[in-house]
Amino acid sequence: MRSNSNLHLRVDSNTIDLRGMDFTDAQSAILDQFSQTLLSSSNVVYILHGHEAKKGSGLKSQIRVWLKKKQKNVVSFAPADRGDGGDAYTKVLLK
């Protein structure tokens, strides 16, 4: 059964670190993490992409645009709460 709680904590098992990856490798890693998360009956993934030096120029922006346009299993996504790393992370809720 999936968690229906609005409280999701960032832990190693639901966090994927993409820093240093190019966008193509990051997409593949994210899809793998989504599959693992759904198989574990969870519904939240934290994506660590880091901050961007210039708004709209880096991996964070590419990932968020891709999530918005292409991912059918994504219910919603947003920057992580400050206590979970803030805008260096994207918190994704899955169906």
N, C-alpha and C. Protein backbone atom coordinates (compact mmCIF):
# COMPACT_ATOMS: atom_id res chain seq x y z
N MET A 1 0.85 -1.18 0.00
CA MET A 1 0.00 0.00 0.00
C MET A 1 0.90 1.24 0.00
N ARG A 2 0.54 2.23 -0.76
CA ARG A 2 1.30 3.47 -0.82
C ARG A 2 0.95 4.38 0.34
N SER A 3 1.92 5.17 0.71
CA SER A 3 1.70 6.13 1.78
C SER A 3 0.75 7.22 1.30
N ASN A 4 -0.26 7.51 2.09
CA ASN A 4 -1.17 8.60 1.76
C ASN A 4 -0.83 9.86 2.53
N SER A 5 0.20 9.79 3.32
CA SER A 5 0.58 10.91 4.17
C SER A 5 1.15 12.05 3.34
N ASN A 6 0.87 13.27 3.77
CA ASN A 6 1.48 14.44 3.14
C ASN A 6 2.89 14.67 3.67
N LEU A 7 3.28 13.93 4.70
CA LEU A 7 4.60 14.07 5.30
C LEU A 7 5.55 13.09 4.65
N HIS A 8 6.53 13.59 3.96
CA HIS A 8 7.53 12.76 3.33
C HIS A 8 8.90 13.26 3.78
N LEU A 9 9.71 12.36 4.28
CA LEU A 9 11.04 12.71 4.72
C LEU A 9 12.06 12.28 3.68
N ARG A 10 13.04 13.12 3.46
CA ARG A 10 14.12 12.76 2.52
C ARG A 10 15.11 11.87 3.24
N VAL A 11 15.31 10.68 2.69
CA VAL A 11 16.27 9.72 3.20
C VAL A 11 17.06 9.17 2.01
N ASP A 12 18.13 8.44 2.27
CA ASP A 12 18.96 7.92 1.18
C ASP A 12 18.17 7.08 0.19
N SER A 13 17.24 6.27 0.68
CA SER A 13 16.52 5.35 -0.20
C SER A 13 15.55 6.05 -1.16
N ASN A 14 15.15 7.28 -0.88
CA ASN A 14 14.24 7.98 -1.79
C ASN A 14 14.88 9.20 -2.44
N THR A 15 16.22 9.24 -2.41
CA THR A 15 16.95 10.38 -2.96
C THR A 15 17.93 9.89 -4.02
N ILE A 16 17.95 10.61 -5.13
CA ILE A 16 18.89 10.30 -6.21
C ILE A 16 19.77 11.52 -6.46
N ASP A 17 21.07 11.30 -6.50
CA ASP A 17 22.04 12.37 -6.67
C ASP A 17 22.49 12.41 -8.13
N LEU A 18 22.14 13.48 -8.83
CA LEU A 18 22.45 13.62 -10.25
C LEU A 18 23.56 14.62 -10.52
N ARG A 19 24.14 15.18 -9.49
CA ARG A 19 25.18 16.20 -9.70
C ARG A 19 26.31 15.62 -10.53
N GLY A 20 26.71 16.37 -11.54
CA GLY A 20 27.80 15.97 -12.42
C GLY A 20 27.34 15.17 -13.63
N MET A 21 26.07 14.79 -13.68
CA MET A 21 25.55 14.04 -14.83
C MET A 21 25.10 14.99 -15.92
N ASP A 22 25.11 14.50 -17.16
CA ASP A 22 24.47 15.27 -18.22
C ASP A 22 22.98 14.91 -18.21
N PHE A 23 22.20 15.64 -18.96
CA PHE A 23 20.75 15.48 -18.91
C PHE A 23 20.29 14.09 -19.34
N THR A 24 20.90 13.53 -20.36
CA THR A 24 20.51 12.20 -20.84
C THR A 24 20.73 11.14 -19.78
N ASP A 25 21.88 11.16 -19.13
CA ASP A 25 22.15 10.20 -18.06
C ASP A 25 21.22 10.43 -16.88
N ALA A 26 20.93 11.69 -16.60
CA ALA A 26 20.03 12.03 -15.49
C ALA A 26 18.62 11.49 -15.74
N GLN A 27 18.13 11.61 -16.96
CA GLN A 27 16.80 11.08 -17.31
C GLN A 27 16.74 9.58 -17.02
N SER A 28 17.72 8.86 -17.46
CA SER A 28 17.76 7.41 -17.27
C SER A 28 17.79 7.07 -15.78
N ALA A 29 18.61 7.78 -15.02
CA ALA A 29 18.71 7.53 -13.59
C ALA A 29 17.39 7.84 -12.88
N ILE A 30 16.72 8.91 -13.28
CA ILE A 30 15.44 9.27 -12.68
C ILE A 30 14.40 8.20 -12.96
N LEU A 31 14.31 7.74 -14.18
CA LEU A 31 13.33 6.71 -14.53
C LEU A 31 13.58 5.43 -13.75
N ASP A 32 14.85 5.06 -13.58
CA ASP A 32 15.20 3.89 -12.77
C ASP A 32 14.75 4.08 -11.32
N GLN A 33 15.00 5.28 -10.78
CA GLN A 33 14.59 5.56 -9.40
C GLN A 33 13.07 5.54 -9.27
N PHE A 34 12.36 6.08 -10.24
CA PHE A 34 10.89 6.04 -10.21
C PHE A 34 10.41 4.59 -10.15
N SER A 35 10.98 3.73 -10.99
CA SER A 35 10.58 2.32 -11.00
C SER A 35 10.84 1.66 -9.65
N GLN A 36 12.02 1.88 -9.09
CA GLN A 36 12.35 1.30 -7.79
C GLN A 36 11.41 1.80 -6.71
N THR A 37 11.11 3.07 -6.75
CA THR A 37 10.23 3.67 -5.75
C THR A 37 8.82 3.09 -5.85
N LEU A 38 8.30 2.99 -7.04
CA LEU A 38 6.96 2.45 -7.23
C LEU A 38 6.89 0.98 -6.81
N LEU A 39 7.94 0.22 -7.09
CA LEU A 39 7.99 -1.19 -6.68
C LEU A 39 8.05 -1.34 -5.16
N SER A 40 8.59 -0.34 -4.50
CA SER A 40 8.71 -0.40 -3.03
C SER A 40 7.46 0.12 -2.33
N SER A 41 6.42 0.42 -3.10
CA SER A 41 5.15 0.93 -2.57
C SER A 41 5.28 2.30 -1.93
N SER A 42 6.24 3.05 -2.38
CA SER A 42 6.39 4.44 -1.93
C SER A 42 5.92 5.34 -3.07
N ASN A 43 5.85 6.64 -2.80
CA ASN A 43 5.40 7.54 -3.87
C ASN A 43 6.13 8.88 -3.88
N VAL A 44 7.30 8.93 -3.28
CA VAL A 44 8.04 10.19 -3.30
C VAL A 44 9.51 9.93 -3.64
N VAL A 45 10.05 10.82 -4.49
CA VAL A 45 11.45 10.79 -4.87
C VAL A 45 12.00 12.19 -4.73
N TYR A 46 13.18 12.29 -4.15
CA TYR A 46 13.90 13.56 -4.07
C TYR A 46 15.05 13.49 -5.07
N ILE A 47 15.10 14.48 -5.96
CA ILE A 47 16.14 14.55 -6.98
C ILE A 47 17.12 15.65 -6.58
N LEU A 48 18.37 15.26 -6.34
CA LEU A 48 19.42 16.24 -6.02
C LEU A 48 20.13 16.60 -7.31
N HIS A 49 19.92 17.83 -7.74
CA HIS A 49 20.53 18.32 -8.97
C HIS A 49 21.43 19.51 -8.70
N GLY A 50 21.38 20.05 -7.52
CA GLY A 50 22.17 21.23 -7.17
C GLY A 50 21.50 22.51 -7.63
N HIS A 51 22.17 23.60 -7.36
CA HIS A 51 21.68 24.92 -7.78
C HIS A 51 22.25 25.26 -9.15
N GLU A 52 21.68 26.27 -9.80
CA GLU A 52 22.17 26.74 -11.09
C GLU A 52 22.86 28.07 -10.92
N ALA A 53 23.99 28.23 -11.61
CA ALA A 53 24.70 29.50 -11.57
C ALA A 53 23.88 30.61 -12.20
N LYS A 54 23.17 30.28 -13.27
CA LYS A 54 22.33 31.23 -13.98
C LYS A 54 20.97 30.57 -14.16
N LYS A 55 19.91 31.24 -13.74
CA LYS A 55 18.56 30.68 -13.80
C LYS A 55 18.24 30.16 -15.21
N GLY A 56 17.73 28.93 -15.25
CA GLY A 56 17.32 28.34 -16.51
C GLY A 56 18.43 27.72 -17.33
N SER A 57 19.63 27.66 -16.78
CA SER A 57 20.77 27.23 -17.60
C SER A 57 21.29 25.84 -17.29
N GLY A 58 20.74 25.17 -16.32
CA GLY A 58 21.37 23.93 -15.90
C GLY A 58 20.45 22.74 -15.77
N LEU A 59 20.98 21.72 -15.12
CA LEU A 59 20.29 20.45 -14.98
C LEU A 59 18.96 20.59 -14.24
N LYS A 60 18.92 21.43 -13.23
CA LYS A 60 17.67 21.63 -12.48
C LYS A 60 16.54 22.06 -13.41
N SER A 61 16.77 23.04 -14.23
CA SER A 61 15.74 23.54 -15.15
C SER A 61 15.36 22.49 -16.17
N GLN A 62 16.34 21.79 -16.72
CA GLN A 62 16.06 20.76 -17.71
C GLN A 62 15.19 19.66 -17.11
N ILE A 63 15.51 19.23 -15.91
CA ILE A 63 14.74 18.18 -15.25
C ILE A 63 13.31 18.63 -14.99
N ARG A 64 13.14 19.83 -14.49
CA ARG A 64 11.79 20.31 -14.16
C ARG A 64 10.93 20.49 -15.40
N VAL A 65 11.50 20.95 -16.49
CA VAL A 65 10.74 21.06 -17.75
C VAL A 65 10.36 19.66 -18.23
N TRP A 66 11.29 18.74 -18.18
CA TRP A 66 11.05 17.36 -18.61
C TRP A 66 9.96 16.70 -17.76
N LEU A 67 10.03 16.89 -16.45
CA LEU A 67 9.01 16.32 -15.56
C LEU A 67 7.62 16.86 -15.91
N LYS A 68 7.55 18.14 -16.19
CA LYS A 68 6.26 18.78 -16.49
C LYS A 68 5.66 18.26 -17.80
N LYS A 69 6.50 18.04 -18.80
CA LYS A 69 6.01 17.70 -20.13
C LYS A 69 5.89 16.21 -20.40
N LYS A 70 6.74 15.41 -19.81
CA LYS A 70 6.92 14.06 -20.32
C LYS A 70 6.55 12.92 -19.39
N GLN A 71 6.36 13.15 -18.13
CA GLN A 71 6.27 12.03 -17.21
C GLN A 71 4.85 11.74 -16.74
N LYS A 72 4.31 10.62 -17.19
CA LYS A 72 2.93 10.26 -16.88
C LYS A 72 2.75 9.79 -15.45
N ASN A 73 3.79 9.29 -14.79
CA ASN A 73 3.67 8.80 -13.41
C ASN A 73 3.81 9.91 -12.37
N VAL A 74 4.09 11.12 -12.80
CA VAL A 74 4.31 12.23 -11.88
C VAL A 74 2.98 12.93 -11.58
N VAL A 75 2.64 12.96 -10.30
CA VAL A 75 1.44 13.68 -9.85
C VAL A 75 1.77 15.16 -9.70
N SER A 76 2.90 15.43 -9.05
CA SER A 76 3.34 16.81 -8.85
C SER A 76 4.82 16.82 -8.51
N PHE A 77 5.40 18.01 -8.63
CA PHE A 77 6.79 18.19 -8.20
C PHE A 77 6.98 19.64 -7.81
N ALA A 78 7.96 19.86 -6.95
CA ALA A 78 8.25 21.21 -6.45
C ALA A 78 9.63 21.19 -5.80
N PRO A 79 10.21 22.36 -5.59
CA PRO A 79 11.44 22.38 -4.81
C PRO A 79 11.18 21.74 -3.45
N ALA A 80 12.17 21.06 -2.93
CA ALA A 80 12.03 20.43 -1.61
C ALA A 80 11.88 21.51 -0.54
N ASP A 81 11.28 21.12 0.57
CA ASP A 81 11.19 22.02 1.71
C ASP A 81 12.59 22.40 2.17
N ARG A 82 12.70 23.52 2.79
CA ARG A 82 14.01 24.02 3.23
C ARG A 82 14.76 22.98 4.08
N GLY A 83 14.06 22.31 4.98
CA GLY A 83 14.68 21.31 5.84
C GLY A 83 15.14 20.06 5.11
N ASP A 84 14.66 19.88 3.88
CA ASP A 84 15.05 18.73 3.07
C ASP A 84 16.02 19.12 1.96
N GLY A 85 16.60 20.29 2.04
CA GLY A 85 17.60 20.71 1.07
C GLY A 85 17.19 21.85 0.17
N GLY A 86 15.93 22.25 0.25
CA GLY A 86 15.47 23.40 -0.52
C GLY A 86 15.56 23.22 -2.02
N ASP A 87 15.84 24.29 -2.72
CA ASP A 87 15.78 24.33 -4.18
C ASP A 87 16.89 23.55 -4.88
N ALA A 88 17.85 23.03 -4.15
CA ALA A 88 18.87 22.16 -4.75
C ALA A 88 18.28 20.78 -5.04
N TYR A 89 17.10 20.52 -4.49
CA TYR A 89 16.39 19.26 -4.69
C TYR A 89 15.03 19.55 -5.32
N THR A 90 14.53 18.56 -6.08
CA THR A 90 13.16 18.59 -6.53
C THR A 90 12.45 17.39 -5.90
N LYS A 91 11.35 17.65 -5.22
CA LYS A 91 10.53 16.60 -4.60
C LYS A 91 9.46 16.21 -5.60
N VAL A 92 9.41 14.92 -5.93
CA VAL A 92 8.45 14.42 -6.92
C VAL A 92 7.50 13.44 -6.24
N LEU A 93 6.19 13.67 -6.42
CA LEU A 93 5.17 12.73 -5.97
C LEU A 93 4.72 11.93 -7.17
N LEU A 94 4.69 10.61 -7.00
CA LEU A 94 4.32 9.69 -8.06
C LEU A 94 2.92 9.14 -7.86
N LYS A 95 2.30 8.70 -8.95
CA LYS A 95 0.97 8.07 -8.89
C LYS A 95 1.06 6.73 -8.19
